[in-house]
Protein backbone atom coordinates (compact mmCIF):
# COMPACT_ATOMS: atom_id res chain seq x y z
CA UNK A 1 -37.19 25.85 -19.84
CA UNK A 2 -40.37 23.87 -20.25
CA UNK A 3 -38.79 21.64 -22.80
CA UNK A 4 -35.74 21.03 -20.54
CA UNK A 5 -37.97 20.09 -17.58
CA UNK A 6 -39.83 17.68 -19.85
CA UNK A 7 -36.65 15.98 -21.01
CA UNK A 8 -35.27 15.83 -17.43
CA UNK A 9 -38.34 14.20 -16.06
CA UNK A 10 -38.36 11.64 -18.84
CA UNK A 11 -34.75 10.81 -19.39
CA UNK A 12 -32.92 12.00 -16.29
CA UNK A 13 -35.37 12.05 -13.27
CA UNK A 14 -32.56 11.91 -10.90
CA UNK A 15 -31.33 15.36 -12.00
CA UNK A 16 -34.85 16.69 -11.89
CA UNK A 17 -35.26 15.47 -8.34
CA UNK A 18 -31.87 16.88 -7.38
CA UNK A 19 -32.87 20.41 -8.65
CA UNK A 20 -36.00 20.20 -6.64
CA UNK A 21 -34.07 19.34 -3.49
CA UNK A 22 -31.68 22.25 -4.24
CA UNK A 23 -34.62 24.66 -4.35
CA UNK A 24 -35.73 23.38 -0.97
CA UNK A 25 -32.32 23.40 0.68
CA UNK A 26 -30.83 26.66 -0.60
CA UNK A 27 -30.54 28.18 2.95
CA UNK A 28 -28.51 25.13 4.09
CA UNK A 29 -26.44 24.16 0.97
CA UNK A 30 -23.69 25.95 -0.87
CA UNK A 31 -24.24 25.07 -4.49
CA UNK A 32 -21.78 25.35 -7.36
CA UNK A 33 -21.62 24.18 -10.93
CA UNK A 34 -17.98 23.87 -11.98
CA UNK A 35 -18.76 22.28 -15.40
CA UNK A 36 -21.54 21.59 -17.84
CA UNK A 37 -21.66 18.24 -19.63
CA UNK A 38 -22.92 18.51 -23.23
CA UNK A 39 -25.70 16.12 -24.33
CA UNK A 40 -27.23 16.31 -27.87
CA UNK A 41 -31.04 16.01 -27.98
CA UNK A 42 -33.46 16.77 -30.78
CA UNK A 43 -30.90 18.59 -32.92
CA UNK A 44 -29.75 20.83 -29.88
CA UNK A 45 -27.21 20.34 -27.21
CA UNK A 46 -28.29 20.44 -23.60
CA UNK A 47 -25.68 21.53 -21.07
CA UNK A 48 -26.24 19.20 -18.15
CA UNK A 49 -25.03 20.71 -14.86
CA UNK A 50 -22.24 19.02 -12.77
CA UNK A 51 -23.59 19.91 -9.36
CA UNK A 52 -21.36 20.22 -6.35
CA UNK A 53 -23.07 20.77 -2.99
CA UNK A 54 -21.39 21.78 0.31
CA UNK A 55 -22.80 21.97 3.85
CA UNK A 56 -21.41 22.47 7.26
CA UNK A 57 -18.33 24.18 8.39
CA UNK A 58 -16.21 26.60 6.41
CA UNK A 59 -13.24 26.22 8.74
CA UNK A 60 -9.97 25.66 6.79
CA UNK A 61 -9.08 22.40 8.67
CA UNK A 62 -12.62 21.02 9.16
CA UNK A 63 -12.75 17.21 8.68
CA UNK A 64 -14.41 16.43 5.36
CA UNK A 65 -16.70 13.77 4.12
CA UNK A 66 -17.23 13.48 0.27
CA UNK A 67 -20.22 11.63 -1.06
CA UNK A 68 -20.23 10.73 -4.78
CA UNK A 69 -22.67 9.06 -7.09
CA UNK A 70 -23.34 8.55 -10.77
CA UNK A 71 -19.87 7.89 -11.94
CA UNK A 72 -21.25 5.06 -14.05
CA UNK A 73 -24.42 6.23 -15.74
CA UNK A 74 -26.08 2.87 -15.79
CA UNK A 75 -25.78 2.60 -11.96
CA UNK A 76 -28.59 4.99 -11.11
CA UNK A 77 -29.20 3.51 -7.68
CA UNK A 78 -25.96 5.10 -6.40
CA UNK A 79 -27.33 8.61 -7.20
CA UNK A 80 -30.76 7.58 -5.88
CA UNK A 81 -29.20 6.50 -2.47
CA UNK A 82 -27.43 9.90 -2.09
CA UNK A 83 -30.64 11.81 -3.05
CA UNK A 84 -32.43 9.77 -0.22
CA UNK A 85 -29.69 10.95 2.06
CA UNK A 86 -30.12 14.53 1.01
CA UNK A 87 -33.88 14.41 1.49
CA UNK A 88 -33.44 13.07 5.07
CA UNK A 89 -30.67 15.52 5.82
CA UNK A 90 -32.70 18.56 4.60
CA UNK A 91 -35.75 17.33 6.55
CA UNK A 92 -33.68 16.98 9.85
CA UNK A 93 -32.16 20.43 9.36
CA UNK A 94 -35.76 21.78 9.67
CA UNK A 95 -36.20 20.43 13.24
CA UNK A 96 -33.15 18.71 14.67
CA UNK A 97 -30.60 20.82 16.51
CA UNK A 98 -28.32 17.76 16.77
CA UNK A 99 -27.65 17.70 12.98
CA UNK A 100 -26.89 21.43 13.02
CA UNK A 101 -24.36 20.82 15.82
CA UNK A 102 -22.84 17.93 13.86
CA UNK A 103 -22.48 19.80 10.63
CA UNK A 104 -20.85 22.67 12.47
CA UNK A 105 -17.88 20.39 13.20
CA UNK A 106 -17.34 19.00 9.62
CA UNK A 107 -17.58 19.82 5.99
CA UNK A 108 -19.93 17.68 3.84
CA UNK A 109 -19.23 17.74 0.04
CA UNK A 110 -21.81 15.87 -2.18
CA UNK A 111 -21.48 15.27 -5.90
CA UNK A 112 -24.63 13.33 -6.74
CA UNK A 113 -24.25 12.92 -10.53
CA UNK A 114 -20.70 12.82 -12.00
CA UNK A 115 -21.70 11.45 -15.35
CA UNK A 116 -25.14 12.99 -16.33
CA UNK A 117 -24.63 12.34 -20.02
CA UNK A 118 -24.07 8.69 -19.35
CA UNK A 119 -27.06 8.54 -17.08
CA UNK A 120 -29.22 10.28 -19.72
CA UNK A 121 -28.16 7.60 -22.23
CA UNK A 122 -28.57 4.76 -19.65
CA UNK A 123 -25.02 3.66 -20.28
CA UNK A 124 -21.95 2.98 -18.10
CA UNK A 125 -19.54 5.28 -20.01
CA UNK A 126 -19.84 8.98 -20.65
CA UNK A 127 -20.98 10.45 -23.99
CA UNK A 128 -17.52 9.73 -25.49
CA UNK A 129 -17.66 6.01 -24.52
CA UNK A 130 -15.08 6.46 -21.76
CA UNK A 131 -15.43 4.57 -18.53
CA UNK A 132 -14.63 7.32 -15.97
CA UNK A 133 -13.46 4.97 -13.36
CA UNK A 134 -10.75 3.74 -15.66
CA UNK A 135 -9.86 7.21 -16.83
CA UNK A 136 -7.16 8.45 -14.49
CA UNK A 137 -3.55 8.53 -15.92
CA UNK A 138 -2.46 5.62 -13.78
CA UNK A 139 -1.55 2.07 -14.79
CA UNK A 140 -2.14 -1.03 -12.59
CA UNK A 141 0.81 -2.94 -11.31
CA UNK A 142 0.71 -6.34 -12.97
CA UNK A 143 -1.91 -7.82 -15.13
CA UNK A 144 -5.62 -7.05 -14.98
CA UNK A 145 -8.56 -8.98 -16.29
CA UNK A 146 -8.90 -8.55 -20.08
CA UNK A 147 -11.20 -5.64 -20.88
CA UNK A 148 -12.59 -5.38 -17.32
CA UNK A 149 -9.42 -3.79 -15.98
CA UNK A 150 -9.58 -1.13 -18.61
CA UNK A 151 -8.77 -1.08 -22.36
CA UNK A 152 -7.60 1.28 -25.13
CA UNK A 153 -8.72 -0.91 -28.05
CA UNK A 154 -11.94 0.95 -28.84
CA UNK A 155 -14.51 3.19 -27.23
CA UNK A 156 -17.12 0.86 -28.69
CA UNK A 157 -16.03 -1.88 -26.25
CA UNK A 158 -16.83 -1.61 -22.50
CA UNK A 159 -14.22 -0.32 -19.93
CA UNK A 160 -12.60 2.00 -22.47
CA UNK A 161 -10.01 3.96 -20.57
CA UNK A 162 -9.78 6.98 -22.97
CA UNK A 163 -6.75 8.29 -24.86
CA UNK A 164 -3.25 7.64 -23.75
CA UNK A 165 -2.26 11.33 -23.82
CA UNK A 166 -2.94 11.81 -20.11
CA UNK A 167 -5.86 14.13 -20.53
CA UNK A 168 -8.90 13.06 -18.56
CA UNK A 169 -12.47 13.42 -19.55
CA UNK A 170 -14.30 16.64 -18.42
CA UNK A 171 -16.27 14.64 -15.83
CA UNK A 172 -13.22 12.93 -14.43
CA UNK A 173 -11.14 16.08 -14.31
CA UNK A 174 -13.86 18.04 -12.69
CA UNK A 175 -14.33 15.37 -10.01
CA UNK A 176 -10.64 15.31 -9.27
CA UNK A 177 -10.33 19.12 -9.16
CA UNK A 178 -13.30 19.62 -6.90
CA UNK A 179 -12.23 16.79 -4.47
CA UNK A 180 -8.63 17.93 -4.57
CA UNK A 181 -9.56 21.43 -3.55
CA UNK A 182 -11.68 20.19 -0.75
CA UNK A 183 -9.32 17.62 0.94
CA UNK A 184 -5.69 18.50 0.03
CA UNK A 185 -5.44 20.90 2.95
CA UNK A 186 -7.49 18.76 5.36
CA UNK A 187 -5.90 16.31 7.94
CA UNK A 188 -8.92 14.04 8.21
CA UNK A 189 -10.95 13.01 5.17
CA UNK A 190 -13.27 10.23 4.09
CA UNK A 191 -14.96 9.82 0.68
CA UNK A 192 -17.61 7.25 -0.32
CA UNK A 193 -18.19 6.56 -4.05
CA UNK A 194 -21.64 4.74 -4.47
CA UNK A 195 -21.80 1.99 -7.22
CA UNK A 196 -23.70 -1.17 -7.92
CA UNK A 197 -23.29 -4.32 -9.93
CA UNK A 198 -20.89 -6.82 -8.19
CA UNK A 199 -21.66 -9.84 -6.08
CA UNK A 200 -24.51 -10.72 -3.79
CA UNK A 201 -23.25 -8.66 -0.78
CA UNK A 202 -22.93 -4.90 -0.24
CA UNK A 203 -19.16 -4.25 -0.16
CA UNK A 204 -17.22 -1.32 1.25
CA UNK A 205 -13.96 -1.36 -0.84
CA UNK A 206 -10.80 0.71 -0.27
CA UNK A 207 -7.67 1.05 -2.42
CA UNK A 208 -5.53 0.07 -4.18
CA UNK A 209 -7.71 -0.92 -7.17
CA UNK A 210 -4.51 -1.19 -9.30
CA UNK A 211 -2.30 -2.99 -6.96
CA UNK A 212 -2.58 -6.24 -5.00
CA UNK A 213 -0.07 -4.92 -2.43
CA UNK A 214 -1.67 -3.60 0.80
CA UNK A 215 -2.09 0.17 0.53
CA UNK A 216 -0.47 2.51 3.15
CA UNK A 217 -3.79 3.40 4.82
CA UNK A 218 -4.64 -0.25 5.62
CA UNK A 219 -4.22 0.30 9.44
CA UNK A 220 -6.67 3.12 9.37
CA UNK A 221 -9.03 1.01 7.21
CA UNK A 222 -8.92 -1.74 9.73
CA UNK A 223 -9.63 0.75 12.63
CA UNK A 224 -12.68 2.16 10.66
CA UNK A 225 -13.92 -1.39 9.92
CA UNK A 226 -13.73 -2.53 13.64
CA UNK A 227 -15.38 0.63 14.72
CA UNK A 228 -18.33 0.14 12.42
CA UNK A 229 -18.46 -3.62 13.43
CA UNK A 230 -18.51 -2.76 17.14
CA UNK A 231 -21.11 -0.01 16.59
CA UNK A 232 -23.43 -2.01 14.43
CA UNK A 233 -22.63 -5.67 14.98
CA UNK A 234 -25.73 -6.91 13.00
CA UNK A 235 -24.58 -5.14 9.75
CA UNK A 236 -24.33 -6.97 6.43
CA UNK A 237 -21.45 -5.05 4.70
CA UNK A 238 -18.22 -6.76 3.67
CA UNK A 239 -15.26 -4.50 4.18
CA UNK A 240 -12.26 -5.42 2.05
CA UNK A 241 -9.66 -4.17 -0.35
CA UNK A 242 -11.01 -3.94 -3.88
CA UNK A 243 -7.89 -5.79 -5.34
CA UNK A 244 -9.22 -8.94 -3.62
CA UNK A 245 -12.00 -8.96 -6.18
CA UNK A 246 -10.21 -7.57 -9.22
CA UNK A 247 -7.74 -4.88 -10.26
CA UNK A 248 -8.07 -2.06 -12.73
CA UNK A 249 -6.11 0.63 -14.55
CA UNK A 250 -7.06 4.23 -14.07
CA UNK A 251 -8.88 4.34 -10.77
CA UNK A 252 -9.75 7.91 -9.88
CA UNK A 253 -9.61 7.19 -6.15
CA UNK A 254 -6.18 5.64 -6.32
CA UNK A 255 -5.12 8.73 -8.25
CA UNK A 256 -6.62 11.10 -5.68
CA UNK A 257 -5.16 9.16 -2.73
CA UNK A 258 -1.57 9.26 -4.21
CA UNK A 259 -1.80 13.02 -4.67
CA UNK A 260 -3.35 13.55 -1.14
CA UNK A 261 -0.51 11.49 0.36
CA UNK A 262 2.15 13.68 -1.36
CA UNK A 263 0.33 16.82 -0.18
CA UNK A 264 -0.50 15.67 3.40
CA UNK A 265 1.95 12.95 4.45
CA UNK A 266 0.65 13.04 8.07
CA UNK A 267 -2.94 13.26 7.18
CA UNK A 268 -5.50 10.53 6.93
CA UNK A 269 -7.61 10.10 3.81
CA UNK A 270 -9.87 6.95 3.44
CA UNK A 271 -11.35 6.74 -0.09
CA UNK A 272 -14.08 4.17 0.14
CA UNK A 273 -16.32 2.57 -2.51
CA UNK A 274 -19.74 1.32 -1.74
CA UNK A 275 -20.44 -1.55 -4.20
CA UNK A 276 -24.02 -2.60 -3.76
CA UNK A 277 -24.44 -6.23 -4.52
CA UNK A 278 -27.02 -6.24 -7.36
CA UNK A 279 -26.56 -9.88 -8.16
CA UNK A 280 -28.81 -10.62 -5.15
CA UNK A 281 -31.56 -8.47 -6.78
CA UNK A 282 -31.21 -10.63 -10.00
CA UNK A 283 -31.26 -13.83 -7.92
CA UNK A 284 -34.50 -12.86 -6.17
CA UNK A 285 -36.18 -11.65 -9.31
CA UNK A 286 -35.11 -13.26 -12.65
CA UNK A 287 -36.95 -10.39 -14.52
CA UNK A 288 -33.70 -8.47 -13.88
CA UNK A 289 -32.13 -10.71 -16.68
CA UNK A 290 -34.35 -9.21 -19.30
CA UNK A 291 -32.79 -5.69 -19.37
CA UNK A 292 -29.28 -4.55 -19.07
CA UNK A 293 -30.32 -1.65 -16.79
CA UNK A 294 -31.78 -4.03 -14.22
CA UNK A 295 -28.50 -5.73 -13.67
CA UNK A 296 -27.50 -2.71 -11.79
CA UNK A 297 -30.68 -1.25 -10.37
CA UNK A 298 -33.67 -2.78 -8.52
CA UNK A 299 -36.81 -2.81 -10.61
CA UNK A 300 -39.34 -3.41 -7.92
CA UNK A 301 -40.40 -0.19 -6.05
CA UNK A 302 -40.41 -1.86 -2.65
CA UNK A 303 -36.84 -3.06 -3.17
CA UNK A 304 -35.68 0.26 -4.45
CA UNK A 305 -37.10 2.01 -1.36
CA UNK A 306 -35.47 -0.60 0.93
CA UNK A 307 -32.12 -0.05 -0.61
CA UNK A 308 -32.40 3.77 -0.33
CA UNK A 309 -33.11 3.36 3.37
CA UNK A 310 -30.50 0.68 4.02
CA UNK A 311 -27.50 2.85 3.49
CA UNK A 312 -28.60 5.96 5.42
CA UNK A 313 -27.09 4.32 8.43
CA UNK A 314 -23.65 4.09 6.79
CA UNK A 315 -23.79 7.67 5.70
CA UNK A 316 -24.54 8.75 9.24
CA UNK A 317 -21.81 6.71 10.59
CA UNK A 318 -19.31 8.20 8.22
CA UNK A 319 -20.29 11.73 9.25
CA UNK A 320 -19.63 10.82 12.84
CA UNK A 321 -16.38 8.88 12.01
CA UNK A 322 -14.73 11.73 10.06
CA UNK A 323 -15.57 14.21 12.75
CA UNK A 324 -14.10 12.01 15.55
CA UNK A 325 -11.19 10.48 13.63
CA UNK A 326 -8.54 11.54 16.16
CA UNK A 327 -10.35 9.46 18.81
CA UNK A 328 -10.25 6.12 16.80
CA UNK A 329 -7.62 6.32 14.16
CA UNK A 330 -4.18 4.78 15.18
CA UNK A 331 -2.04 7.78 16.21
CA UNK A 332 1.27 6.43 17.64
CA UNK A 333 3.67 4.23 15.68
CA UNK A 334 3.16 1.16 17.96
CA UNK A 335 -0.66 1.34 17.60
CA UNK A 336 -0.45 1.77 13.85
CA UNK A 337 1.93 -1.18 13.42
CA UNK A 338 -0.30 -3.31 15.54
CA UNK A 339 -3.37 -2.34 13.34
CA UNK A 340 -1.27 -2.91 10.22
CA UNK A 341 -0.43 -6.50 11.36
CA UNK A 342 -4.03 -7.21 12.22
CA UNK A 343 -5.24 -5.99 8.83
CA UNK A 344 -2.71 -8.27 7.02
CA UNK A 345 -3.95 -11.24 8.96
CA UNK A 346 -7.51 -10.30 8.23
CA UNK A 347 -7.36 -9.55 4.53
CA UNK A 348 -4.15 -11.11 3.25
CA UNK A 349 -3.66 -14.21 5.42
CA UNK A 350 -1.86 -16.29 2.76
CA UNK A 351 0.37 -13.68 1.31
CA UNK A 352 4.11 -13.54 1.69
CA UNK A 353 4.22 -9.99 3.20
CA UNK A 354 1.81 -11.00 5.97
CA UNK A 355 4.65 -12.62 8.01
């Protein structure tokens, strides 16, 4: 146990910090470990836990918010932002009756580290060299950027999708199984997957990652976007479809959304991705160019703390938004068609299907 703690503090401080938070929050959190991810170290194999945390309502139809981090092991800031949220949540649960009332009306599901072996190795892929966000058995419609969109040439090249036999990696399959069991019976769901490494602005992306056509939930995405913009008019997020930036094969959230839609045709599920704009960190501090790790994570402590604080507002907003979804999501056909047209004008102004 002492050896394991030493290795965690050195190679995987995020998991070490998470386990400290779990000890502190046991009375408020329902903790499970549906899988262990093997990581060889010093001639032995550590079994790194795939932690799943739940809080809030146990009601069968409770609106559900899912927060996910660490899908790409190199993007540690995504997990760190979620840990900052958990610290704040556990502290508020000690003194704030409002947070107890809020959680009583929704289910919160948190998966802070999907890819612990990749994070241990400080690499994007998992221990088998597979990019988990290219790993779903789903092909993009049309061409994708070479390599970036996902490739099956070699696991030694980046963005490797894994084998073509349809079997997902343990981490991917566990994530899909956990999220599926949490949302497939729920009429109102939002998920947020925290990443970094693209652009100079923080983006909130929604599907389809594998298709340039507008996805079926675009009307609800517009309603959520406008709700956030009215509530926080000074925000700095860019809400948009991921496909406006690039398309990929094997996106796990595209895969989950398609299955949710087949199970809950009248439900609303918004799978969102927070893509933190790390190019801005590089621009402000050229030392980021010296290490691969620093392309995806801030290296200055003050900037790291600022980024951890910055997104707490978004998490809090999503907790309120999923709980109150019936009050702002388009409900009747006419309202939904209006939102759909507005979304096309906003995000696809020059495309043929906009008319």
